[in-house]
Amino acid sequence: MRRKKKYWVLLLCVLLLLTGMWYQSPARQMLLRPVVSVESAKTSDVVLSVYFKGTVYDENQKELYLAEPACVTGVYAEVGDTVSAGDLLLTARLEENVQDFPQIGDDVLSVFQEWYGTGESRSDAIYCYAEDGEIYITSPIDGILSEFPLRSGVSQPAGALCATVSDPNNLKICASVPEIYIQDLQAGMTCEITGEAFRDQTYQGSLELIMPYATTTQTLSGKGETVVEVLIGIENPDDALRTGYNARVEIDTERHEDAVIVPYEAIEQDRENQEYVFVYQDGVVTQRLIETGAELESAVEVLSGLSEGEFVVTDSTKVLTDGDRVKAVQH
């Protein structure tokens, strides 16, 4: 009986010893460490871009208007025709009792632009006057007849649009850029031009002009956003581009080569709004302040405080403190 008692006492002592050894063992400490996801900081070229929409227009487009009431007597072209400077487009005869109708000129151009829907036009308006009662309207430039609304035998009032001649070799883009982007733009910047109407084509261009003033768009509910108008030159325009098409312009404003980037999930903020990450090395995490730069689609640029190849914790659900021992799972 006494031997059995000694046996159980000895067994209990062994169990206690083994339990103590387990509690102190590195294996148990490893099992108790929180498991966190880590990812290495990488380098990449960071490109910051500005996007906005505009409209294709012809810088050299000419619009011809009747300066006096007249009846069209002859039509010698049609929309889409290629014309040369001096080609006869149509003829008209001055209406009788012309003194009863007002004549127009450049001093009232803005009025007729509003009446005939050309208030946004950048083309040069040309007014055609009668000589000895006859009006001969010829093309002022080489180009394509893009508008030609008049028909023979029909009388037209002063200010009626006779024709629009477009020069497809001088296409540009007029765009309204939100004011928050203007400080990032400067004349001479290159850009990429795409559009739904020419989705299979991508054109290169350059920012030629930034207007020295801003305007505020109007909406049904009141004032809209404040914008600045810019002009974009298009390199090598072709037949796929047409006046009036909508276009999307992308301009690269900054490029940072070999920038250090980390996932959004790795970035945290302290009470002073200072950004930091937990850097993992040899089973220990260290809290480290960083300075961030550009925000990308799925990552953040780190300007200082972190080097390429260092591992950062990306598991934001874990509550960690500086110096914690953890078990890392690399992604």
Protein backbone atom coordinates (compact mmCIF):
# COMPACT_ATOMS: atom_id res chain seq x y z
CA MET A 1 0.00 0.00 0.00
CA ARG A 2 2.84 2.36 0.91
CA ARG A 3 4.60 1.55 -2.37
CA LYS A 4 1.53 2.46 -4.40
CA LYS A 5 1.28 5.77 -2.57
CA LYS A 6 4.91 6.57 -3.33
CA TYR A 7 4.27 5.66 -6.97
CA TRP A 8 1.36 8.10 -7.29
CA VAL A 9 3.29 10.84 -5.53
CA LEU A 10 6.20 10.30 -7.92
CA LEU A 11 3.86 10.30 -10.92
CA LEU A 12 2.22 13.52 -9.73
CA CYS A 13 5.60 15.17 -9.33
CA VAL A 14 6.58 14.13 -12.83
CA LEU A 15 3.32 15.52 -14.24
CA LEU A 16 3.81 18.79 -12.40
CA LEU A 17 7.36 19.00 -13.67
CA LEU A 18 6.28 18.30 -17.24
CA THR A 19 3.46 20.83 -16.96
CA GLY A 20 5.87 23.48 -15.73
CA MET A 21 8.28 22.70 -18.50
CA TRP A 22 5.44 22.99 -21.06
CA TYR A 23 4.35 26.36 -19.73
CA GLN A 24 7.90 27.61 -20.03
CA SER A 25 8.67 25.93 -23.35
CA PRO A 26 9.24 27.92 -26.56
CA ALA A 27 6.75 25.66 -28.33
CA ARG A 28 3.91 26.79 -26.04
CA GLN A 29 4.96 30.40 -26.35
CA MET A 30 4.88 30.03 -30.14
CA LEU A 31 1.39 28.53 -30.05
CA LEU A 32 0.15 31.41 -27.89
CA ARG A 33 1.44 34.10 -30.26
CA PRO A 34 -1.23 35.81 -32.36
CA VAL A 35 -1.19 34.90 -36.04
CA VAL A 36 -0.92 37.91 -38.36
CA SER A 37 -0.74 38.36 -42.11
CA VAL A 38 2.36 40.10 -43.44
CA GLU A 39 3.39 41.36 -46.84
CA SER A 40 6.67 42.75 -48.07
CA ALA A 41 6.97 46.37 -49.16
CA LYS A 42 7.46 46.54 -52.91
CA THR A 43 8.71 49.14 -55.35
CA SER A 44 6.82 50.37 -58.40
CA ASP A 45 6.67 53.36 -60.69
CA VAL A 46 3.88 55.61 -59.43
CA VAL A 47 2.11 57.74 -62.03
CA LEU A 48 -0.38 60.41 -60.97
CA SER A 49 -2.91 61.37 -63.63
CA VAL A 50 -5.72 63.84 -64.18
CA TYR A 51 -8.80 62.77 -66.17
CA PHE A 52 -11.40 65.01 -67.75
CA LYS A 53 -13.79 65.10 -70.71
CA GLY A 54 -13.92 67.45 -73.65
CA THR A 55 -15.28 67.94 -77.16
CA VAL A 56 -13.47 67.69 -80.47
CA TYR A 57 -13.63 70.91 -82.46
CA ASP A 58 -12.03 72.34 -85.57
CA GLU A 59 -9.71 75.23 -84.84
CA ASN A 60 -9.83 76.40 -88.45
CA GLN A 61 -13.56 75.86 -89.02
CA LYS A 62 -15.36 78.64 -90.89
CA GLU A 63 -19.07 79.45 -90.68
CA LEU A 64 -20.72 81.49 -93.43
CA TYR A 65 -23.84 83.56 -92.69
CA LEU A 66 -26.16 85.71 -94.76
CA ALA A 67 -25.71 89.35 -93.88
CA GLU A 68 -28.97 90.32 -95.56
CA PRO A 69 -32.32 88.62 -96.31
CA ALA A 70 -32.01 86.67 -99.55
CA CYS A 71 -33.52 83.90 -101.65
CA VAL A 72 -31.23 80.99 -102.55
CA THR A 73 -30.93 80.67 -106.34
CA GLY A 74 -28.35 77.91 -106.72
CA VAL A 75 -26.76 75.12 -104.66
CA TYR A 76 -23.50 73.61 -105.93
CA ALA A 77 -22.35 71.23 -103.19
CA GLU A 78 -23.66 68.99 -100.44
CA VAL A 79 -22.68 67.95 -96.93
CA GLY A 80 -19.56 65.79 -96.89
CA ASP A 81 -18.04 67.22 -100.07
CA THR A 82 -14.35 68.04 -100.08
CA VAL A 83 -13.95 71.65 -101.21
CA SER A 84 -11.09 73.98 -102.02
CA ALA A 85 -10.72 77.61 -101.12
CA GLY A 86 -12.68 79.66 -103.68
CA ASP A 87 -15.09 76.89 -104.73
CA LEU A 88 -18.62 78.21 -105.30
CA LEU A 89 -21.04 76.74 -102.77
CA LEU A 90 -24.28 78.59 -103.47
CA THR A 91 -25.77 81.75 -104.93
CA ALA A 92 -28.61 83.92 -103.67
CA ARG A 93 -30.48 87.03 -104.73
CA LEU A 94 -31.17 89.89 -102.38
CA GLU A 95 -34.82 90.01 -101.29
CA GLU A 96 -36.93 92.91 -102.51
CA ASN A 97 -37.77 95.62 -100.00
CA VAL A 98 -34.49 94.78 -98.26
CA GLN A 99 -34.67 98.14 -96.55
CA ASP A 100 -37.47 96.70 -94.42
CA PHE A 101 -35.12 94.09 -93.00
CA PRO A 102 -32.16 94.71 -90.74
CA GLN A 103 -28.67 94.02 -92.01
CA ILE A 104 -26.15 92.51 -89.67
CA GLY A 105 -22.45 92.56 -89.09
CA ASP A 106 -19.85 91.70 -86.53
CA ASP A 107 -21.33 94.10 -83.99
CA VAL A 108 -24.39 91.87 -83.53
CA LEU A 109 -22.64 88.54 -84.04
CA SER A 110 -23.29 87.40 -80.49
CA VAL A 111 -27.04 87.89 -80.91
CA PHE A 112 -27.26 85.65 -83.96
CA GLN A 113 -24.92 83.08 -82.45
CA GLU A 114 -27.42 82.73 -79.64
CA TRP A 115 -30.41 82.60 -82.02
CA TYR A 116 -28.84 79.98 -84.26
CA GLY A 117 -27.27 77.86 -81.52
CA THR A 118 -23.64 78.72 -82.22
CA GLY A 119 -22.88 80.39 -78.92
CA GLU A 120 -20.32 77.72 -78.02
CA SER A 121 -18.71 77.72 -81.47
CA ARG A 122 -15.04 78.56 -81.80
CA SER A 123 -15.22 78.95 -85.57
CA ASP A 124 -14.71 82.20 -87.42
CA ALA A 125 -17.99 83.73 -88.61
CA ILE A 126 -18.02 85.20 -92.13
CA TYR A 127 -20.92 87.41 -93.25
CA CYS A 128 -21.83 87.42 -96.92
CA TYR A 129 -23.16 90.66 -98.49
CA ALA A 130 -24.80 91.25 -101.85
CA GLU A 131 -23.11 92.92 -104.82
CA ASP A 132 -25.57 94.38 -107.31
CA GLY A 133 -28.28 92.27 -105.64
CA GLU A 134 -26.42 88.96 -106.00
CA ILE A 135 -24.65 86.96 -103.29
CA TYR A 136 -21.93 84.50 -104.24
CA ILE A 137 -20.87 82.25 -101.35
CA THR A 138 -17.53 80.48 -101.80
CA SER A 139 -15.45 78.30 -99.51
CA PRO A 140 -12.87 80.36 -97.62
CA ILE A 141 -10.57 77.37 -96.96
CA ASP A 142 -9.71 73.88 -98.15
CA GLY A 143 -11.76 71.42 -96.16
CA ILE A 144 -14.98 69.42 -95.85
CA LEU A 145 -18.48 70.83 -96.02
CA SER A 146 -19.82 69.77 -92.61
CA GLU A 147 -23.03 71.88 -92.56
CA PHE A 148 -25.04 73.01 -95.58
CA PRO A 149 -28.67 73.64 -94.59
CA LEU A 150 -29.92 75.93 -97.39
CA ARG A 151 -31.92 74.79 -100.42
CA SER A 152 -32.54 76.46 -103.76
CA GLY A 153 -35.68 78.57 -104.03
CA VAL A 154 -36.02 79.10 -100.29
CA SER A 155 -35.89 82.59 -98.77
CA GLN A 156 -33.71 83.09 -95.71
CA PRO A 157 -33.51 85.88 -93.13
CA ALA A 158 -30.40 87.85 -92.31
CA GLY A 159 -28.16 85.84 -90.04
CA ALA A 160 -29.09 82.44 -91.50
CA LEU A 161 -26.27 79.91 -91.52
CA CYS A 162 -25.31 79.11 -95.11
CA ALA A 163 -22.49 76.62 -94.66
CA THR A 164 -19.79 75.36 -92.32
CA VAL A 165 -16.44 74.30 -93.78
CA SER A 166 -14.25 72.17 -91.51
CA ASP A 167 -10.53 71.50 -91.70
CA PRO A 168 -9.93 67.93 -90.42
CA ASN A 169 -6.20 68.60 -90.14
CA ASN A 170 -6.67 71.18 -87.38
CA LEU A 171 -8.77 69.28 -84.83
CA LYS A 172 -8.39 70.12 -81.16
CA ILE A 173 -10.21 69.36 -77.93
CA CYS A 174 -11.91 71.96 -75.80
CA ALA A 175 -12.47 70.80 -72.22
CA SER A 176 -13.64 72.20 -68.91
CA VAL A 177 -11.38 71.06 -66.07
CA PRO A 178 -12.50 71.21 -62.41
CA GLU A 179 -10.60 73.89 -60.55
CA ILE A 180 -9.00 71.42 -58.10
CA TYR A 181 -6.92 69.93 -60.94
CA ILE A 182 -5.67 73.14 -62.54
CA GLN A 183 -2.71 73.62 -60.18
CA ASP A 184 -1.36 70.26 -61.39
CA LEU A 185 -1.48 71.26 -65.07
CA GLN A 186 0.80 73.35 -67.21
CA ALA A 187 1.07 74.06 -70.92
CA GLY A 188 3.17 71.55 -72.83
CA MET A 189 2.14 68.47 -70.86
CA THR A 190 1.51 65.42 -73.04
CA CYS A 191 -1.78 63.55 -72.87
CA GLU A 192 -3.63 60.50 -74.13
CA ILE A 193 -6.99 60.88 -75.88
CA THR A 194 -9.68 58.21 -76.10
CA GLY A 195 -13.42 58.19 -76.79
CA GLU A 196 -16.46 56.00 -77.27
CA ALA A 197 -16.92 57.12 -80.87
CA PHE A 198 -13.34 56.06 -81.69
CA ARG A 199 -12.83 53.30 -79.12
CA ASP A 200 -10.34 51.44 -81.31
CA GLN A 201 -8.07 54.48 -81.56
CA THR A 202 -5.87 56.23 -79.03
CA TYR A 203 -4.39 59.62 -79.90
CA GLN A 204 -1.52 61.54 -78.40
CA GLY A 205 -1.81 65.23 -77.73
CA SER A 206 -0.47 68.13 -75.71
CA LEU A 207 -1.94 70.78 -73.47
CA GLU A 208 -1.68 73.99 -75.50
CA LEU A 209 -3.59 76.56 -73.50
CA ILE A 210 -5.05 77.05 -70.03
CA MET A 211 -7.48 79.95 -69.89
CA PRO A 212 -6.53 82.64 -67.34
CA TYR A 213 -10.00 82.67 -65.82
CA ALA A 214 -12.54 80.27 -64.33
CA THR A 215 -16.28 79.92 -64.87
CA THR A 216 -19.05 78.30 -62.88
CA THR A 217 -21.37 75.89 -64.63
CA GLN A 218 -25.11 76.37 -64.24
CA THR A 219 -27.51 73.59 -63.24
CA LEU A 220 -31.27 73.43 -62.72
CA SER A 221 -30.71 73.57 -58.97
CA GLY A 222 -28.39 76.56 -59.17
CA LYS A 223 -24.65 76.97 -59.57
CA GLY A 224 -22.55 73.92 -60.38
CA GLU A 225 -18.82 73.33 -60.12
CA THR A 226 -16.13 75.87 -60.98
CA VAL A 227 -14.10 74.93 -64.06
CA VAL A 228 -11.27 76.27 -66.20
CA GLU A 229 -11.32 75.82 -69.97
CA VAL A 230 -8.28 74.22 -71.61
CA LEU A 231 -7.32 73.47 -75.21
CA ILE A 232 -5.66 70.21 -76.25
CA GLY A 233 -3.77 69.78 -79.52
CA ILE A 234 -4.12 66.40 -81.27
CA GLU A 235 -1.17 64.76 -83.01
CA ASN A 236 -1.93 63.23 -86.42
CA PRO A 237 -5.77 63.36 -86.41
CA ASP A 238 -7.40 61.05 -88.95
CA ASP A 239 -10.82 60.21 -90.38
CA ALA A 240 -11.90 58.49 -87.13
CA LEU A 241 -12.13 61.90 -85.43
CA ARG A 242 -14.98 64.26 -86.16
CA THR A 243 -15.99 67.67 -84.91
CA GLY A 244 -18.41 67.36 -82.01
CA TYR A 245 -17.21 63.97 -80.74
CA ASN A 246 -16.83 63.56 -76.99
CA ALA A 247 -13.31 62.70 -75.86
CA ARG A 248 -11.62 61.58 -72.63
CA VAL A 249 -8.25 63.16 -71.86
CA GLU A 250 -5.68 61.71 -69.47
CA ILE A 251 -2.64 63.78 -68.47
CA ASP A 252 0.19 62.38 -66.35
CA THR A 253 1.04 65.07 -63.82
CA GLU A 254 3.72 63.27 -61.76
CA ARG A 255 5.90 60.18 -62.04
CA HIS A 256 7.78 58.63 -59.11
CA GLU A 257 10.14 55.87 -60.18
CA ASP A 258 10.88 52.94 -57.84
CA ALA A 259 8.50 54.22 -55.17
CA VAL A 260 7.95 52.04 -52.07
CA ILE A 261 4.32 50.92 -51.81
CA VAL A 262 2.33 48.91 -49.24
CA PRO A 263 -1.32 47.76 -49.11
CA TYR A 264 -3.92 50.10 -47.65
CA GLU A 265 -4.56 47.57 -44.86
CA ALA A 266 -1.04 48.07 -43.50
CA ILE A 267 -1.53 51.78 -42.73
CA GLU A 268 -2.84 52.89 -39.33
CA GLN A 269 -3.09 56.21 -37.49
CA ASP A 270 -2.37 57.12 -33.89
CA ARG A 271 -4.20 59.71 -31.78
CA GLU A 272 -2.10 62.50 -33.27
CA ASN A 273 -3.14 61.36 -36.77
CA GLN A 274 0.39 60.22 -37.49
CA GLU A 275 0.50 57.27 -39.84
CA TYR A 276 2.40 54.13 -38.92
CA VAL A 277 2.87 50.47 -39.77
CA PHE A 278 3.87 47.41 -37.79
CA VAL A 279 7.11 46.04 -39.23
CA TYR A 280 7.64 42.30 -38.75
CA GLN A 281 11.09 40.78 -38.24
CA ASP A 282 12.19 37.53 -36.53
CA GLY A 283 8.83 36.97 -34.84
CA VAL A 284 8.51 40.49 -33.40
CA VAL A 285 6.49 43.48 -34.62
CA THR A 286 7.78 47.02 -34.25
CA GLN A 287 5.57 50.09 -34.59
CA ARG A 288 7.16 52.56 -37.01
CA LEU A 289 6.05 56.03 -38.10
CA ILE A 290 5.93 56.62 -41.85
CA GLU A 291 5.17 59.40 -44.31
CA THR A 292 2.78 58.54 -47.12
CA GLY A 293 2.43 59.99 -50.58
CA ALA A 294 0.20 59.07 -53.50
CA GLU A 295 -2.87 56.92 -52.97
CA LEU A 296 -3.17 54.25 -55.64
CA GLU A 297 -6.00 51.88 -56.48
CA SER A 298 -4.99 49.22 -53.92
CA ALA A 299 -1.81 50.55 -52.31
CA VAL A 300 -0.21 53.62 -50.76
CA GLU A 301 3.12 55.19 -51.59
CA VAL A 302 5.49 55.42 -48.60
CA LEU A 303 7.84 58.41 -48.85
CA SER A 304 9.88 57.68 -45.73
CA GLY A 305 10.12 55.25 -42.81
CA LEU A 306 10.11 51.99 -44.76
CA SER A 307 12.37 50.20 -47.23
CA GLU A 308 11.74 47.74 -50.02
CA GLY A 309 11.58 44.15 -48.82
CA GLU A 310 10.61 44.88 -45.21
CA PHE A 311 7.53 43.00 -44.02
CA VAL A 312 4.50 44.90 -42.72
CA VAL A 313 1.44 43.55 -40.93
CA THR A 314 -1.69 43.75 -43.10
CA ASP A 315 -4.16 42.15 -40.66
CA SER A 316 -5.96 45.20 -39.26
CA THR A 317 -8.24 43.04 -37.09
CA LYS A 318 -5.42 42.19 -34.67
CA VAL A 319 -4.75 44.50 -31.72
CA LEU A 320 -0.97 44.83 -31.54
CA THR A 321 1.50 46.84 -29.50
CA ASP A 322 5.12 47.67 -30.12
CA GLY A 323 7.34 44.65 -29.38
CA ASP A 324 4.62 41.97 -29.51
CA ARG A 325 5.74 38.49 -30.53
CA VAL A 326 3.62 37.08 -33.32
CA LYS A 327 3.39 34.25 -35.77
CA ALA A 328 3.42 35.51 -39.35
CA VAL A 329 1.67 34.18 -42.40
CA GLN A 330 3.14 35.68 -45.56
CA HIS A 331 0.97 36.74 -48.51
